[in-house]
Amino acid sequence: MEKSKNFKFYENMKITFIKEVPRNEKKYDVEVEFDNIIGKHCLEQKTAHFNSKAKTITNIIDLSQQLKISHEEVLK
């Protein structure tokens, strides 16, 4: 039985979005004080994951091209 020299990979990007929410809202994650003039601000954060499709590499020559394609998929 021959060993397979192929491998699969996918690319994943994790991004945390942060937005300011009104102070009177009960749902916020962090309260930050910038300085005495600006005062306190409430921030809400959400994390999202963006994935490419799985790619199969059959030889080392394809690797660079497949990585580029995978990266473009995630950025879309």
PDB file of N, CA and C in Angstrom:
ATOM      1  N   MET A   1       0.840  -1.178   0.000  1.00  0.00           N
ATOM      2  CA  MET A   1       0.000   0.000   0.000  1.00  0.00           C
ATOM      3  C   MET A   1       0.891   1.250   0.000  1.00  0.00           C
ATOM      4  N   GLU A   2       0.638   2.165  -0.926  1.00  0.00           N
ATOM      5  CA  GLU A   2       1.430   3.385  -1.031  1.00  0.00           C
ATOM      6  C   GLU A   2       0.895   4.455  -0.094  1.00  0.00           C
ATOM      7  N   LYS A   3       1.823   5.238   0.424  1.00  0.00           N
ATOM      8  CA  LYS A   3       1.446   6.371   1.264  1.00  0.00           C
ATOM      9  C   LYS A   3       0.983   7.513   0.379  1.00  0.00           C
ATOM     10  N   SER A   4      -0.112   8.148   0.769  1.00  0.00           N
ATOM     11  CA  SER A   4      -0.602   9.304   0.012  1.00  0.00           C
ATOM     12  C   SER A   4       0.249  10.518   0.352  1.00  0.00           C
ATOM     13  N   LYS A   5       0.632  11.272  -0.663  1.00  0.00           N
ATOM     14  CA  LYS A   5       1.436  12.462  -0.442  1.00  0.00           C
ATOM     15  C   LYS A   5       0.606  13.730  -0.627  1.00  0.00           C
ATOM     16  N   ASN A   6      -0.700  13.574  -0.679  1.00  0.00           N
ATOM     17  CA  ASN A   6      -1.602  14.707  -0.798  1.00  0.00           C
ATOM     18  C   ASN A   6      -1.972  15.205   0.602  1.00  0.00           C
ATOM     19  N   PHE A   7      -2.326  16.465   0.683  1.00  0.00           N
ATOM     20  CA  PHE A   7      -2.879  16.949   1.940  1.00  0.00           C
ATOM     21  C   PHE A   7      -3.911  18.024   1.659  1.00  0.00           C
ATOM     22  N   LYS A   8      -4.836  18.180   2.610  1.00  0.00           N
ATOM     23  CA  LYS A   8      -5.892  19.177   2.488  1.00  0.00           C
ATOM     24  C   LYS A   8      -5.654  20.276   3.512  1.00  0.00           C
ATOM     25  N   PHE A   9      -6.095  21.475   3.151  1.00  0.00           N
ATOM     26  CA  PHE A   9      -6.015  22.585   4.101  1.00  0.00           C
ATOM     27  C   PHE A   9      -7.143  23.554   3.798  1.00  0.00           C
ATOM     28  N   TYR A  10      -7.428  24.384   4.764  1.00  0.00           N
ATOM     29  CA  TYR A  10      -8.305  25.515   4.545  1.00  0.00           C
ATOM     30  C   TYR A  10      -7.790  26.670   5.379  1.00  0.00           C
ATOM     31  N   GLU A  11      -8.159  27.860   4.986  1.00  0.00           N
ATOM     32  CA  GLU A  11      -7.686  29.056   5.678  1.00  0.00           C
ATOM     33  C   GLU A  11      -8.829  29.614   6.507  1.00  0.00           C
ATOM     34  N   ASN A  12      -8.505  30.113   7.690  1.00  0.00           N
ATOM     35  CA  ASN A  12      -9.498  30.664   8.604  1.00  0.00           C
ATOM     36  C   ASN A  12      -9.023  32.024   9.092  1.00  0.00           C
ATOM     37  N   MET A  13      -9.933  32.998   9.077  1.00  0.00           N
ATOM     38  CA  MET A  13      -9.609  34.324   9.600  1.00  0.00           C
ATOM     39  C   MET A  13     -10.601  34.642  10.705  1.00  0.00           C
ATOM     40  N   LYS A  14     -10.086  35.048  11.848  1.00  0.00           N
ATOM     41  CA  LYS A  14     -10.914  35.403  12.993  1.00  0.00           C
ATOM     42  C   LYS A  14     -10.817  36.916  13.186  1.00  0.00           C
ATOM     43  N   ILE A  15     -11.973  37.588  13.181  1.00  0.00           N
ATOM     44  CA  ILE A  15     -12.005  39.043  13.322  1.00  0.00           C
ATOM     45  C   ILE A  15     -12.934  39.406  14.468  1.00  0.00           C
ATOM     46  N   THR A  16     -12.502  40.335  15.303  1.00  0.00           N
ATOM     47  CA  THR A  16     -13.346  40.854  16.368  1.00  0.00           C
ATOM     48  C   THR A  16     -13.780  42.261  15.989  1.00  0.00           C
ATOM     49  N   PHE A  17     -15.103  42.436  15.882  1.00  0.00           N
ATOM     50  CA  PHE A  17     -15.691  43.733  15.580  1.00  0.00           C
ATOM     51  C   PHE A  17     -16.060  44.411  16.890  1.00  0.00           C
ATOM     52  N   ILE A  18     -15.775  45.698  16.997  1.00  0.00           N
ATOM     53  CA  ILE A  18     -16.090  46.453  18.210  1.00  0.00           C
ATOM     54  C   ILE A  18     -16.893  47.676  17.808  1.00  0.00           C
ATOM     55  N   LYS A  19     -18.002  47.903  18.529  1.00  0.00           N
ATOM     56  CA  LYS A  19     -18.790  49.102  18.265  1.00  0.00           C
ATOM     57  C   LYS A  19     -19.204  49.734  19.585  1.00  0.00           C
ATOM     58  N   GLU A  20     -19.418  51.024  19.532  1.00  0.00           N
ATOM     59  CA  GLU A  20     -19.853  51.758  20.710  1.00  0.00           C
ATOM     60  C   GLU A  20     -21.368  51.627  20.827  1.00  0.00           C
ATOM     61  N   VAL A  21     -21.859  51.403  22.034  1.00  0.00           N
ATOM     62  CA  VAL A  21     -23.292  51.304  22.293  1.00  0.00           C
ATOM     63  C   VAL A  21     -23.675  52.355  23.327  1.00  0.00           C
ATOM     64  N   PRO A  22     -24.931  52.792  23.331  1.00  0.00           N
ATOM     65  CA  PRO A  22     -25.359  53.781  24.321  1.00  0.00           C
ATOM     66  C   PRO A  22     -25.165  53.263  25.742  1.00  0.00           C
ATOM     67  N   ARG A  23     -24.822  54.135  26.621  1.00  0.00           N
ATOM     68  CA  ARG A  23     -24.551  53.769  28.010  1.00  0.00           C
ATOM     69  C   ARG A  23     -25.763  53.185  28.703  1.00  0.00           C
ATOM     70  N   ASN A  24     -26.963  53.615  28.323  1.00  0.00           N
ATOM     71  CA  ASN A  24     -28.163  53.138  29.000  1.00  0.00           C
ATOM     72  C   ASN A  24     -28.581  51.732  28.556  1.00  0.00           C
ATOM     73  N   GLU A  25     -27.943  51.189  27.496  1.00  0.00           N
ATOM     74  CA  GLU A  25     -28.230  49.808  27.098  1.00  0.00           C
ATOM     75  C   GLU A  25     -27.629  48.856  28.118  1.00  0.00           C
ATOM     76  N   LYS A  26     -28.349  47.790  28.398  1.00  0.00           N
ATOM     77  CA  LYS A  26     -27.872  46.827  29.401  1.00  0.00           C
ATOM     78  C   LYS A  26     -26.818  45.881  28.829  1.00  0.00           C
ATOM     79  N   LYS A  27     -26.800  45.766  27.497  1.00  0.00           N
ATOM     80  CA  LYS A  27     -25.897  44.791  26.875  1.00  0.00           C
ATOM     81  C   LYS A  27     -24.641  45.478  26.341  1.00  0.00           C
ATOM     82  N   TYR A  28     -23.564  45.393  27.071  1.00  0.00           N
ATOM     83  CA  TYR A  28     -22.270  45.825  26.562  1.00  0.00           C
ATOM     84  C   TYR A  28     -21.199  44.992  27.238  1.00  0.00           C
ATOM     85  N   ASP A  29     -20.075  44.864  26.564  1.00  0.00           N
ATOM     86  CA  ASP A  29     -19.017  43.978  27.037  1.00  0.00           C
ATOM     87  C   ASP A  29     -17.967  44.699  27.870  1.00  0.00           C
ATOM     88  N   VAL A  30     -17.630  45.918  27.472  1.00  0.00           N
ATOM     89  CA  VAL A  30     -16.525  46.637  28.106  1.00  0.00           C
ATOM     90  C   VAL A  30     -16.923  48.089  28.307  1.00  0.00           C
ATOM     91  N   GLU A  31     -16.506  48.662  29.420  1.00  0.00           N
ATOM     92  CA  GLU A  31     -16.682  50.095  29.644  1.00  0.00           C
ATOM     93  C   GLU A  31     -15.287  50.707  29.703  1.00  0.00           C
ATOM     94  N   VAL A  32     -15.050  51.692  28.852  1.00  0.00           N
ATOM     95  CA  VAL A  32     -13.715  52.275  28.722  1.00  0.00           C
ATOM     96  C   VAL A  32     -13.800  53.767  29.003  1.00  0.00           C
ATOM     97  N   GLU A  33     -12.845  54.267  29.769  1.00  0.00           N
ATOM     98  CA  GLU A  33     -12.767  55.704  29.995  1.00  0.00           C
ATOM     99  C   GLU A  33     -11.563  56.229  29.237  1.00  0.00           C
ATOM    100  N   PHE A  34     -11.824  57.100  28.250  1.00  0.00           N
ATOM    101  CA  PHE A  34     -10.746  57.632  27.428  1.00  0.00           C
ATOM    102  C   PHE A  34     -10.001  58.732  28.173  1.00  0.00           C
ATOM    103  N   ASP A  35     -10.718  59.710  28.682  1.00  0.00           N
ATOM    104  CA  ASP A  35     -10.134  60.759  29.518  1.00  0.00           C
ATOM    105  C   ASP A  35     -11.274  61.519  30.197  1.00  0.00           C
ATOM    106  N   ASN A  36     -10.956  62.540  30.987  1.00  0.00           N
ATOM    107  CA  ASN A  36     -11.983  63.265  31.726  1.00  0.00           C
ATOM    108  C   ASN A  36     -12.924  64.045  30.824  1.00  0.00           C
ATOM    109  N   ILE A  37     -12.454  64.501  29.685  1.00  0.00           N
ATOM    110  CA  ILE A  37     -13.285  65.295  28.782  1.00  0.00           C
ATOM    111  C   ILE A  37     -14.278  64.410  28.029  1.00  0.00           C
ATOM    112  N   ILE A  38     -13.791  63.329  27.450  1.00  0.00           N
ATOM    113  CA  ILE A  38     -14.650  62.441  26.660  1.00  0.00           C
ATOM    114  C   ILE A  38     -15.541  61.602  27.569  1.00  0.00           C
ATOM    115  N   GLY A  39     -15.023  61.150  28.693  1.00  0.00           N
ATOM    116  CA  GLY A  39     -15.805  60.337  29.621  1.00  0.00           C
ATOM    117  C   GLY A  39     -15.787  58.862  29.276  1.00  0.00           C
ATOM    118  N   LYS A  40     -16.754  58.137  29.842  1.00  0.00           N
ATOM    119  CA  LYS A  40     -16.806  56.685  29.660  1.00  0.00           C
ATOM    120  C   LYS A  40     -17.637  56.316  28.442  1.00  0.00           C
ATOM    121  N   HIS A  41     -17.205  55.248  27.798  1.00  0.00           N
ATOM    122  CA  HIS A  41     -17.916  54.721  26.636  1.00  0.00           C
ATOM    123  C   HIS A  41     -18.104  53.227  26.826  1.00  0.00           C
ATOM    124  N   CYS A  42     -19.250  52.715  26.377  1.00  0.00           N
ATOM    125  CA  CYS A  42     -19.538  51.289  26.461  1.00  0.00           C
ATOM    126  C   CYS A  42     -19.311  50.666  25.088  1.00  0.00           C
ATOM    127  N   LEU A  43     -18.605  49.557  25.079  1.00  0.00           N
ATOM    128  CA  LEU A  43     -18.266  48.900  23.827  1.00  0.00           C
ATOM    129  C   LEU A  43     -18.826  47.484  23.805  1.00  0.00           C
ATOM    130  N   GLU A  44     -19.348  47.096  22.658  1.00  0.00           N
ATOM    131  CA  GLU A  44     -19.825  45.735  22.444  1.00  0.00           C
ATOM    132  C   GLU A  44     -18.921  45.088  21.417  1.00  0.00           C
ATOM    133  N   GLN A  45     -18.558  43.840  21.635  1.00  0.00           N
ATOM    134  CA  GLN A  45     -17.692  43.165  20.664  1.00  0.00           C
ATOM    135  C   GLN A  45     -18.291  41.841  20.227  1.00  0.00           C
ATOM    136  N   LYS A  46     -18.105  41.558  18.953  1.00  0.00           N
ATOM    137  CA  LYS A  46     -18.555  40.312  18.335  1.00  0.00           C
ATOM    138  C   LYS A  46     -17.387  39.734  17.551  1.00  0.00           C
ATOM    139  N   THR A  47     -17.236  38.422  17.607  1.00  0.00           N
ATOM    140  CA  THR A  47     -16.169  37.749  16.876  1.00  0.00           C
ATOM    141  C   THR A  47     -16.783  36.931  15.745  1.00  0.00           C
ATOM    142  N   ALA A  48     -16.191  37.024  14.573  1.00  0.00           N
ATOM    143  CA  ALA A  48     -16.660  36.281  13.403  1.00  0.00           C
ATOM    144  C   ALA A  48     -15.505  35.486  12.817  1.00  0.00           C
ATOM    145  N   HIS A  49     -15.841  34.355  12.221  1.00  0.00           N
ATOM    146  CA  HIS A  49     -14.849  33.492  11.573  1.00  0.00           C
ATOM    147  C   HIS A  49     -15.185  33.402  10.090  1.00  0.00           C
ATOM    148  N   PHE A  50     -14.183  33.573   9.249  1.00  0.00           N
ATOM    149  CA  PHE A  50     -14.340  33.473   7.808  1.00  0.00           C
ATOM    150  C   PHE A  50     -13.427  32.362   7.312  1.00  0.00           C
ATOM    151  N   ASN A  51     -13.993  31.396   6.574  1.00  0.00           N
ATOM    152  CA  ASN A  51     -13.239  30.223   6.116  1.00  0.00           C
ATOM    153  C   ASN A  51     -13.207  30.137   4.605  1.00  0.00           C
ATOM    154  N   SER A  52     -12.124  29.585   4.102  1.00  0.00           N
ATOM    155  CA  SER A  52     -12.068  29.247   2.685  1.00  0.00           C
ATOM    156  C   SER A  52     -12.604  27.827   2.522  1.00  0.00           C
ATOM    157  N   LYS A  53     -12.778  27.412   1.273  1.00  0.00           N
ATOM    158  CA  LYS A  53     -13.128  26.017   1.014  1.00  0.00           C
ATOM    159  C   LYS A  53     -11.868  25.174   1.189  1.00  0.00           C
ATOM    160  N   ALA A  54     -12.048  23.896   1.487  1.00  0.00           N
ATOM    161  CA  ALA A  54     -10.903  22.999   1.629  1.00  0.00           C
ATOM    162  C   ALA A  54     -10.210  22.822   0.282  1.00  0.00           C
ATOM    163  N   LYS A  55      -8.901  22.868   0.300  1.00  0.00           N
ATOM    164  CA  LYS A  55      -8.086  22.695  -0.911  1.00  0.00           C
ATOM    165  C   LYS A  55      -7.233  21.434  -0.740  1.00  0.00           C
ATOM    166  N   THR A  56      -7.041  20.716  -1.829  1.00  0.00           N
ATOM    167  CA  THR A  56      -6.183  19.535  -1.822  1.00  0.00           C
ATOM    168  C   THR A  56      -4.922  19.840  -2.618  1.00  0.00           C
ATOM    169  N   ILE A  57      -3.793  19.590  -1.997  1.00  0.00           N
ATOM    170  CA  ILE A  57      -2.495  19.799  -2.644  1.00  0.00           C
ATOM    171  C   ILE A  57      -1.952  18.432  -3.057  1.00  0.00           C
ATOM    172  N   THR A  58      -1.663  18.307  -4.352  1.00  0.00           N
ATOM    173  CA  THR A  58      -1.127  17.037  -4.846  1.00  0.00           C
ATOM    174  C   THR A  58       0.375  17.096  -5.079  1.00  0.00           C
ATOM    175  N   ASN A  59       0.886  18.311  -5.323  1.00  0.00           N
ATOM    176  CA  ASN A  59       2.340  18.452  -5.436  1.00  0.00           C
ATOM    177  C   ASN A  59       2.727  19.844  -4.950  1.00  0.00           C
ATOM    178  N   ILE A  60       3.971  19.997  -4.613  1.00  0.00           N
ATOM    179  CA  ILE A  60       4.473  21.237  -4.008  1.00  0.00           C
ATOM    180  C   ILE A  60       4.341  22.436  -4.942  1.00  0.00           C
ATOM    181  N   ILE A  61       4.293  22.194  -6.231  1.00  0.00           N
ATOM    182  CA  ILE A  61       4.176  23.281  -7.210  1.00  0.00           C
ATOM    183  C   ILE A  61       2.820  23.978  -7.077  1.00  0.00           C
ATOM    184  N   ASP A  62       1.769  23.236  -6.735  1.00  0.00           N
ATOM    185  CA  ASP A  62       0.423  23.797  -6.585  1.00  0.00           C
ATOM    186  C   ASP A  62       0.252  24.614  -5.311  1.00  0.00           C
ATOM    187  N   LEU A  63       1.120  24.428  -4.349  1.00  0.00           N
ATOM    188  CA  LEU A  63       0.926  25.018  -3.023  1.00  0.00           C
ATOM    189  C   LEU A  63       0.784  26.535  -3.065  1.00  0.00           C
ATOM    190  N   SER A  64       1.677  27.213  -3.712  1.00  0.00           N
ATOM    191  CA  SER A  64       1.642  28.671  -3.750  1.00  0.00           C
ATOM    192  C   SER A  64       0.353  29.181  -4.394  1.00  0.00           C
ATOM    193  N   GLN A  65      -0.029  28.584  -5.487  1.00  0.00           N
ATOM    194  CA  GLN A  65      -1.245  28.993  -6.197  1.00  0.00           C
ATOM    195  C   GLN A  65      -2.484  28.725  -5.342  1.00  0.00           C
ATOM    196  N   GLN A  66      -2.556  27.572  -4.705  1.00  0.00           N
ATOM    197  CA  GLN A  66      -3.716  27.234  -3.883  1.00  0.00           C
ATOM    198  C   GLN A  66      -3.808  28.129  -2.641  1.00  0.00           C
ATOM    199  N   LEU A  67      -2.670  28.489  -2.071  1.00  0.00           N
ATOM    200  CA  LEU A  67      -2.677  29.408  -0.937  1.00  0.00           C
ATOM    201  C   LEU A  67      -3.221  30.774  -1.340  1.00  0.00           C
ATOM    202  N   LYS A  68      -2.834  31.234  -2.513  1.00  0.00           N
ATOM    203  CA  LYS A  68      -3.312  32.526  -3.016  1.00  0.00           C
ATOM    204  C   LYS A  68      -4.826  32.488  -3.239  1.00  0.00           C
ATOM    205  N   ILE A  69      -5.325  31.410  -3.837  1.00  0.00           N
ATOM    206  CA  ILE A  69      -6.759  31.260  -4.078  1.00  0.00           C
ATOM    207  C   ILE A  69      -7.524  31.205  -2.754  1.00  0.00           C
ATOM    208  N   SER A  70      -7.004  30.453  -1.828  1.00  0.00           N
ATOM    209  CA  SER A  70      -7.627  30.323  -0.509  1.00  0.00           C
ATOM    210  C   SER A  70      -7.710  31.677   0.193  1.00  0.00           C
ATOM    211  N   HIS A  71      -6.632  32.424   0.138  1.00  0.00           N
ATOM    212  CA  HIS A  71      -6.586  33.746   0.770  1.00  0.00           C
ATOM    213  C   HIS A  71      -7.628  34.681   0.157  1.00  0.00           C
ATOM    214  N   GLU A  72      -7.765  34.660  -1.161  1.00  0.00           N
ATOM    215  CA  GLU A  72      -8.755  35.491  -1.843  1.00  0.00           C
ATOM    216  C   GLU A  72     -10.179  35.117  -1.447  1.00  0.00           C
ATOM    217  N   GLU A  73     -10.456  33.817  -1.272  1.00  0.00           N
ATOM    218  CA  GLU A  73     -11.780  33.361  -0.854  1.00  0.00           C
ATOM    219  C   GLU A  73     -12.154  33.922   0.521  1.00  0.00           C
ATOM    220  N   VAL A  74     -11.219  33.892   1.425  1.00  0.00           N
ATOM    221  CA  VAL A  74     -11.478  34.390   2.786  1.00  0.00           C
ATOM    222  C   VAL A  74     -11.745  35.892   2.767  1.00  0.00           C
ATOM    223  N   LEU A  75     -10.975  36.613   1.992  1.00  0.00           N
ATOM    224  CA  LEU A  75     -11.141  38.068   1.940  1.00  0.00           C
ATOM    225  C   LEU A  75     -12.459  38.493   1.284  1.00  0.00           C
ATOM    226  N   LYS A  76     -13.021  37.657   0.419  1.00  0.00           N
ATOM    227  CA  LYS A  76     -14.314  37.974  -0.201  1.00  0.00           C
ATOM    228  C   LYS A  76     -15.369  37.955   0.864  1.00  0.00           C
TER     229      LYS A  76
END
